[in-house]
Amino acid sequence: MPLFLLENYLYIFFALPHLDFVVAFDDRLVTAIVGGLVEALGIGLVLMSGGSTGGTDIIALMVNKYW
């Protein structure tokens, strides 16, 4: 099963055109703030769906489940 997933991932990855990401902000502080907001949004979605990011949030999920 993992090999099947890897083959599909590689197929999709190489089939997509390589996109050049352009940073729209010249200020490093604004870039760090926007990056933090995007990361928080992603982690929030993972935790709200009951998943774990593999860090110390596992402890919080276990406490929330059993307490």
Protein backbone atom coordinates (compact mmCIF):
# COMPACT_ATOMS: atom_id res chain seq x y z
CA MET A 1 0.00 0.00 0.00
CA PRO A 2 2.70 2.60 0.84
CA LEU A 3 4.46 1.91 -2.45
CA PHE A 4 1.20 2.53 -4.31
CA LEU A 5 0.80 5.86 -2.52
CA LEU A 6 4.39 6.83 -3.27
CA GLU A 7 3.97 6.08 -6.97
CA ASN A 8 0.82 8.22 -7.15
CA TYR A 9 2.50 11.03 -5.24
CA LEU A 10 5.47 11.05 -7.58
CA TYR A 11 3.20 10.95 -10.62
CA ILE A 12 1.18 13.94 -9.40
CA PHE A 13 4.29 15.82 -8.26
CA PHE A 14 6.07 15.52 -11.59
CA ALA A 15 2.92 16.03 -13.66
CA LEU A 16 2.28 19.44 -12.12
CA PRO A 17 4.16 22.36 -13.61
CA HIS A 18 6.84 23.79 -11.40
CA LEU A 19 5.45 26.97 -9.93
CA ASP A 20 7.62 29.86 -8.88
CA PHE A 21 6.39 31.24 -5.59
CA VAL A 22 6.74 34.98 -5.30
CA VAL A 23 6.81 36.56 -1.87
CA ALA A 24 4.46 39.53 -1.99
CA PHE A 25 5.95 41.16 1.11
CA ASP A 26 9.33 42.85 1.29
CA ASP A 27 9.31 43.19 5.06
CA ARG A 28 10.57 40.12 6.92
CA LEU A 29 8.34 40.80 9.92
CA VAL A 30 5.17 40.78 7.82
CA THR A 31 6.36 37.62 6.07
CA ALA A 32 6.93 35.91 9.44
CA ILE A 33 3.48 36.98 10.69
CA VAL A 34 1.71 35.74 7.55
CA GLY A 35 3.65 32.47 7.69
CA GLY A 36 2.67 32.00 11.33
CA LEU A 37 -0.99 32.62 10.50
CA VAL A 38 -0.93 30.08 7.67
CA GLU A 39 0.78 27.51 9.91
CA ALA A 40 -1.71 28.12 12.73
CA LEU A 41 -4.60 27.68 10.31
CA GLY A 42 -3.20 24.35 9.10
CA ILE A 43 -2.54 23.02 12.59
CA GLY A 44 -5.96 24.22 13.72
CA LEU A 45 -7.61 22.27 10.92
CA VAL A 46 -5.67 19.13 11.85
CA LEU A 47 -6.55 19.39 15.54
CA MET A 48 -10.21 20.21 14.91
CA SER A 49 -10.55 17.08 12.79
CA GLY A 50 -9.16 14.96 15.65
CA GLY A 51 -5.71 14.44 14.20
CA SER A 52 -2.28 15.03 15.65
CA THR A 53 0.78 16.74 14.26
CA GLY A 54 3.03 14.24 16.05
CA GLY A 55 4.32 16.59 18.72
CA THR A 56 3.28 17.36 22.26
CA ASP A 57 -0.31 17.92 21.17
CA ILE A 58 -0.74 14.15 21.55
CA ILE A 59 -0.73 14.69 25.32
CA ALA A 60 -3.43 17.34 25.03
CA LEU A 61 -5.55 15.04 22.86
CA MET A 62 -5.22 12.20 25.37
CA VAL A 63 -6.14 14.45 28.30
CA ASN A 64 -9.12 15.79 26.35
CA LYS A 65 -10.26 12.27 25.48
CA TYR A 66 -9.94 10.63 28.90
CA TRP A 67 -10.60 13.53 31.25
